[in-house]
């Protein structure tokens, strides 16, 4: 097997489309497609199928993707072992909720460490899937009900609030008044959207559906509705009066503990300890 083609196959399907993948991989889309077809031709198999305008992996393609993830993860470990390189390259997954805070906490001191960091911003569900497949090294996420697949270390505590444009609604709303206003909806798989839908005391009417935290905050500032979000994500926007906190009668959320998750495959304890130390040096200010 040509491992060069296998690598392109593996890298390509980490993106939403081959067009997007070809841009990130700096290769033309026809050339990328040819690498995939070379594997199919060599082994007389079908790895991809068309679904409308999109291309999806077949069941065999999904199995090959998972095996390739393990292979290339092992390759990195072997290279690190043999070269004994001074620098360590890690990918940390987090959600857009706290990504700005986390990046500041870790990257401000990047020159003082041998760890080179990159961040992957996805929703909670996707990040746990990538961590389980060893596609990322660590994930900084809230507590989950069944953490048995992962190791975890406590980092900090955050909490959820409702926000809106200062002119959109009153500062405090009764359950009856909620019917006069709309909420901003997040994509499926978003922790925030799941939390909102599972609250039995709310029956929100949604104005728009957006993907990602940044788009939701923009919609909030454009008076598109009330948005459920992390305090740390909007603290600066509230301070600058671009958004305000909205209290809803008898609706509150428990504080959320955040952890550094790792898979149960072997990894460096010293690296994990260094990351935890840097994050805890910059505790969240709730003033």
Protein backbone atom coordinates (compact mmCIF):
# COMPACT_ATOMS: atom_id res chain seq x y z
CA UNK A 1 0.00 0.00 0.00
CA UNK A 2 1.10 3.54 -0.76
CA UNK A 3 1.13 5.23 2.67
CA UNK A 4 1.36 8.63 0.95
CA UNK A 5 -2.10 8.08 -0.55
CA UNK A 6 -3.40 6.68 2.73
CA UNK A 7 -2.27 9.83 4.53
CA UNK A 8 -4.11 12.04 2.04
CA UNK A 9 -7.22 9.86 2.45
CA UNK A 10 -7.00 10.16 6.23
CA UNK A 11 -6.33 13.91 6.22
CA UNK A 12 -9.07 14.63 3.65
CA UNK A 13 -11.92 13.21 5.68
CA UNK A 14 -11.12 15.30 8.73
CA UNK A 15 -12.77 18.17 6.86
CA UNK A 16 -16.38 18.79 5.79
CA UNK A 17 -15.68 18.44 2.06
CA UNK A 18 -12.89 17.57 -0.36
CA UNK A 19 -12.88 21.20 -1.51
CA UNK A 20 -12.16 22.38 2.02
CA UNK A 21 -9.64 19.58 2.54
CA UNK A 22 -7.72 20.41 -0.64
CA UNK A 23 -7.30 24.03 0.52
CA UNK A 24 -5.95 23.02 3.91
CA UNK A 25 -3.70 20.30 2.45
CA UNK A 26 -2.39 22.56 -0.34
CA UNK A 27 -3.25 20.09 -3.08
CA UNK A 28 -5.71 20.34 -5.96
CA UNK A 29 -9.03 18.58 -5.53
CA UNK A 30 -8.49 16.32 -8.60
CA UNK A 31 -5.09 15.26 -7.22
CA UNK A 32 -6.61 14.56 -3.81
CA UNK A 33 -9.40 12.51 -5.40
CA UNK A 34 -6.80 10.56 -7.40
CA UNK A 35 -5.00 9.48 -4.22
CA UNK A 36 -8.25 8.06 -2.87
CA UNK A 37 -9.08 6.32 -6.14
CA UNK A 38 -5.58 4.80 -6.23
CA UNK A 39 -6.31 2.95 -2.98
CA UNK A 40 -9.71 1.81 -4.25
CA UNK A 41 -8.18 0.60 -7.51
CA UNK A 42 -5.28 -1.22 -5.83
CA UNK A 43 -7.53 -3.22 -3.49
CA UNK A 44 -10.70 -3.31 -5.63
CA UNK A 45 -12.82 -1.70 -2.90
CA UNK A 46 -15.17 1.27 -2.51
CA UNK A 47 -14.18 3.74 0.21
CA UNK A 48 -16.38 6.72 -0.65
CA UNK A 49 -19.89 7.26 -1.98
CA UNK A 50 -21.86 10.26 -3.21
CA UNK A 51 -24.68 11.66 -1.10
CA UNK A 52 -26.21 14.48 -3.09
CA UNK A 53 -23.38 16.92 -3.68
CA UNK A 54 -21.40 15.58 -0.77
CA UNK A 55 -19.02 12.62 -0.61
CA UNK A 56 -19.30 10.28 2.36
CA UNK A 57 -17.28 7.33 3.59
CA UNK A 58 -18.63 3.84 3.12
CA UNK A 59 -18.62 1.47 6.10
CA UNK A 60 -15.27 0.13 4.90
CA UNK A 61 -14.02 3.69 4.42
CA UNK A 62 -14.93 4.51 8.03
CA UNK A 63 -13.05 1.45 9.26
CA UNK A 64 -10.00 2.40 7.21
CA UNK A 65 -10.15 5.98 8.56
CA UNK A 66 -10.16 4.70 12.16
CA UNK A 67 -7.24 2.33 11.51
CA UNK A 68 -5.28 5.09 9.75
CA UNK A 69 -5.81 7.35 12.78
CA UNK A 70 -4.17 4.74 14.99
CA UNK A 71 -1.34 4.19 12.48
CA UNK A 72 -0.40 7.86 12.14
CA UNK A 73 -0.73 8.42 15.88
CA UNK A 74 1.78 5.63 16.43
CA UNK A 75 4.02 7.14 13.76
CA UNK A 76 4.23 10.38 15.77
CA UNK A 77 5.09 8.47 18.93
CA UNK A 78 7.84 6.51 17.16
CA UNK A 79 9.34 9.66 15.64
CA UNK A 80 9.35 11.34 19.03
CA UNK A 81 10.99 8.30 20.62
CA UNK A 82 13.73 7.96 18.00
CA UNK A 83 14.65 11.60 17.58
CA UNK A 84 14.17 12.52 21.25
CA UNK A 85 13.09 15.92 20.01
CA UNK A 86 13.16 18.84 22.37
CA UNK A 87 9.84 20.22 21.25
CA UNK A 88 6.49 18.51 21.76
CA UNK A 89 3.57 19.20 19.41
CA UNK A 90 0.09 18.81 20.85
CA UNK A 91 -3.45 19.44 19.68
CA UNK A 92 -5.97 20.57 22.29
CA UNK A 93 -9.67 20.42 21.59
CA UNK A 94 -12.11 22.86 23.15
CA UNK A 95 -15.42 24.52 22.38
CA UNK A 96 -15.83 28.12 21.27
CA UNK A 97 -17.42 28.82 24.65
CA UNK A 98 -14.09 29.07 26.44
CA UNK A 99 -11.57 28.99 23.62
CA UNK A 100 -10.50 32.64 23.97
CA UNK A 101 -9.86 32.29 27.70
CA UNK A 102 -7.99 29.02 27.26
CA UNK A 103 -5.83 30.30 24.42
CA UNK A 104 -4.80 33.33 26.45
CA UNK A 105 -3.98 31.13 29.43
CA UNK A 106 -1.81 28.74 27.44
CA UNK A 107 -0.34 30.79 24.61
CA UNK A 108 0.81 33.85 26.56
CA UNK A 109 3.56 31.72 28.07
CA UNK A 110 4.30 29.67 24.95
CA UNK A 111 7.82 31.06 24.65
CA UNK A 112 8.70 29.67 28.08
CA UNK A 113 7.82 26.08 27.24
CA UNK A 114 8.92 23.29 24.92
CA UNK A 115 5.29 22.46 24.17
CA UNK A 116 3.97 23.71 20.82
CA UNK A 117 0.19 23.93 20.89
CA UNK A 118 -2.54 24.00 18.29
CA UNK A 119 -6.25 24.25 19.02
CA UNK A 120 -9.21 22.47 17.46
CA UNK A 121 -12.52 24.26 18.02
CA UNK A 122 -15.55 21.95 17.79
CA UNK A 123 -18.70 21.12 19.74
CA UNK A 124 -18.50 18.88 22.79
CA UNK A 125 -19.79 15.72 21.12
CA UNK A 126 -17.37 15.95 18.20
CA UNK A 127 -14.37 16.55 20.47
CA UNK A 128 -15.07 13.50 22.60
CA UNK A 129 -15.31 11.41 19.42
CA UNK A 130 -11.96 12.75 18.18
CA UNK A 131 -10.33 12.20 21.58
CA UNK A 132 -11.55 8.60 21.65
CA UNK A 133 -9.97 8.03 18.21
CA UNK A 134 -6.73 9.78 19.29
CA UNK A 135 -7.22 12.51 16.67
CA UNK A 136 -6.45 15.09 19.36
CA UNK A 137 -4.15 14.83 22.40
CA UNK A 138 -6.27 16.57 25.03
CA UNK A 139 -9.73 18.09 25.36
CA UNK A 140 -10.79 20.85 27.77
CA UNK A 141 -14.48 20.29 28.34
CA UNK A 142 -17.16 20.28 31.04
CA UNK A 143 -17.98 17.29 33.19
CA UNK A 144 -19.79 14.40 31.47
CA UNK A 145 -22.00 11.74 33.01
CA UNK A 146 -19.91 8.80 31.81
CA UNK A 147 -16.18 9.66 31.81
CA UNK A 148 -15.02 6.03 32.00
CA UNK A 149 -13.40 6.12 28.54
CA UNK A 150 -11.14 9.00 29.54
CA UNK A 151 -8.78 10.21 32.24
CA UNK A 152 -9.52 13.69 33.55
CA UNK A 153 -8.07 16.41 35.79
CA UNK A 154 -10.07 19.32 37.27
CA UNK A 155 -9.20 22.79 35.90
CA UNK A 156 -11.81 25.43 36.81
CA UNK A 157 -15.52 26.19 37.31
CA UNK A 158 -17.74 28.23 35.01
CA UNK A 159 -21.50 28.90 34.81
CA UNK A 160 -24.19 29.58 32.20
CA UNK A 161 -26.19 32.80 31.79
CA UNK A 162 -28.68 34.28 29.34
CA UNK A 163 -27.59 37.34 27.40
CA UNK A 164 -29.17 39.74 24.90
CA UNK A 165 -28.60 43.14 23.35
CA UNK A 166 -29.19 45.86 26.00
CA UNK A 167 -32.22 47.14 24.03
CA UNK A 168 -33.73 43.76 23.16
CA UNK A 169 -35.66 43.01 26.36
CA UNK A 170 -35.97 43.79 30.05
CA UNK A 171 -33.20 42.78 32.43
CA UNK A 172 -35.54 40.36 34.22
CA UNK A 173 -38.30 38.37 32.53
CA UNK A 174 -41.15 36.31 33.95
CA UNK A 175 -42.06 32.98 32.36
CA UNK A 176 -45.12 34.65 30.85
CA UNK A 177 -43.02 37.43 29.30
CA UNK A 178 -40.68 34.92 27.63
CA UNK A 179 -43.36 34.30 25.01
CA UNK A 180 -42.82 37.85 23.72
CA UNK A 181 -39.19 37.18 22.84
CA UNK A 182 -37.19 34.76 20.75
CA UNK A 183 -34.07 32.71 21.44
CA UNK A 184 -31.00 31.98 19.35
CA UNK A 185 -30.61 28.30 18.45
CA UNK A 186 -27.30 26.47 18.17
CA UNK A 187 -26.42 23.50 15.97
CA UNK A 188 -27.20 19.90 16.89
CA UNK A 189 -24.55 18.45 19.21
CA UNK A 190 -23.95 21.77 20.95
CA UNK A 191 -23.93 21.43 24.73
CA UNK A 192 -25.72 24.78 25.04
CA UNK A 193 -28.55 23.77 22.72
CA UNK A 194 -29.02 20.44 24.48
CA UNK A 195 -29.12 22.19 27.85
CA UNK A 196 -31.69 24.69 26.62
CA UNK A 197 -33.97 22.04 25.10
CA UNK A 198 -33.82 19.81 28.18
CA UNK A 199 -34.97 22.57 30.53
CA UNK A 200 -38.61 21.68 31.23
CA UNK A 201 -39.41 25.17 32.52
CA UNK A 202 -38.70 26.76 29.15
CA UNK A 203 -40.48 26.50 25.81
CA UNK A 204 -38.31 28.82 23.74
CA UNK A 205 -39.30 30.17 20.34
CA UNK A 206 -36.23 30.36 18.10
CA UNK A 207 -35.51 33.22 15.72
CA UNK A 208 -32.43 31.89 13.92
CA UNK A 209 -30.21 28.83 14.02
CA UNK A 210 -26.46 29.44 13.88
CA UNK A 211 -23.36 27.29 13.94
CA UNK A 212 -20.66 28.19 16.43
CA UNK A 213 -20.32 30.45 19.44
CA UNK A 214 -18.97 33.46 17.55
CA UNK A 215 -21.93 33.51 15.14
CA UNK A 216 -24.36 33.20 18.06
CA UNK A 217 -22.78 36.17 19.82
CA UNK A 218 -22.97 38.24 16.65
CA UNK A 219 -26.67 37.36 16.33
CA UNK A 220 -27.18 38.42 19.94
CA UNK A 221 -25.57 41.79 19.32
CA UNK A 222 -27.82 42.23 16.25
CA UNK A 223 -30.91 41.86 18.47
CA UNK A 224 -31.83 38.46 17.04
CA UNK A 225 -32.79 37.02 20.41
CA UNK A 226 -31.76 35.79 23.84
CA UNK A 227 -28.78 33.44 23.98
CA UNK A 228 -27.66 30.90 26.58
CA UNK A 229 -23.88 31.00 26.94
CA UNK A 230 -20.87 30.72 29.21
CA UNK A 231 -20.10 33.66 31.49
CA UNK A 232 -16.42 33.60 30.57
CA UNK A 233 -17.29 33.87 26.88
CA UNK A 234 -19.29 37.08 27.28
CA UNK A 235 -17.75 38.82 30.28
CA UNK A 236 -15.94 41.39 28.12
CA UNK A 237 -19.04 42.00 25.95
CA UNK A 238 -21.12 42.66 29.06
CA UNK A 239 -18.46 44.99 30.49
CA UNK A 240 -18.39 46.96 27.22
CA UNK A 241 -22.23 47.07 27.23
CA UNK A 242 -22.55 45.29 23.89
CA UNK A 243 -24.58 42.60 25.66
CA UNK A 244 -26.31 42.33 29.02
CA UNK A 245 -27.24 39.45 31.31
CA UNK A 246 -30.92 38.54 31.29
CA UNK A 247 -32.49 36.93 34.35
CA UNK A 248 -35.44 34.60 33.74
CA UNK A 249 -37.79 33.90 36.64
CA UNK A 250 -36.92 30.68 38.49
CA UNK A 251 -34.43 29.62 35.80
CA UNK A 252 -30.84 29.01 36.85
CA UNK A 253 -28.07 26.59 35.99
CA UNK A 254 -25.63 24.71 38.15
CA UNK A 255 -21.97 25.78 37.90
CA UNK A 256 -19.98 23.63 35.48
CA UNK A 257 -16.65 22.09 36.34
CA UNK A 258 -14.16 21.91 33.48
CA UNK A 259 -11.57 19.17 33.12
CA UNK A 260 -8.55 18.31 31.03
CA UNK A 261 -9.54 15.03 29.38
CA UNK A 262 -7.09 12.53 27.92
CA UNK A 263 -7.68 9.15 26.34
CA UNK A 264 -6.61 6.07 28.26
CA UNK A 265 -3.76 5.41 25.84
CA UNK A 266 -0.31 6.17 27.31
CA UNK A 267 0.78 9.82 27.31
CA UNK A 268 3.28 11.97 29.10
CA UNK A 269 2.22 12.80 32.66
CA UNK A 270 4.78 15.62 32.78
CA UNK A 271 3.23 17.31 29.74
CA UNK A 272 -0.25 17.03 31.24
CA UNK A 273 0.96 18.47 34.54
CA UNK A 274 2.53 21.43 32.74
CA UNK A 275 -0.73 22.20 30.91
CA UNK A 276 -2.75 22.00 34.13
CA UNK A 277 -0.28 24.28 35.89
CA UNK A 278 -0.52 26.96 33.19
CA UNK A 279 -4.31 26.91 33.15
CA UNK A 280 -4.59 27.17 36.91
CA UNK A 281 -2.22 30.14 36.98
CA UNK A 282 -4.95 32.24 35.37
CA UNK A 283 -8.17 31.56 37.30
CA UNK A 284 -11.43 32.95 36.00
CA UNK A 285 -12.45 36.29 37.51
CA UNK A 286 -16.20 36.45 38.15
CA UNK A 287 -16.32 40.15 39.10
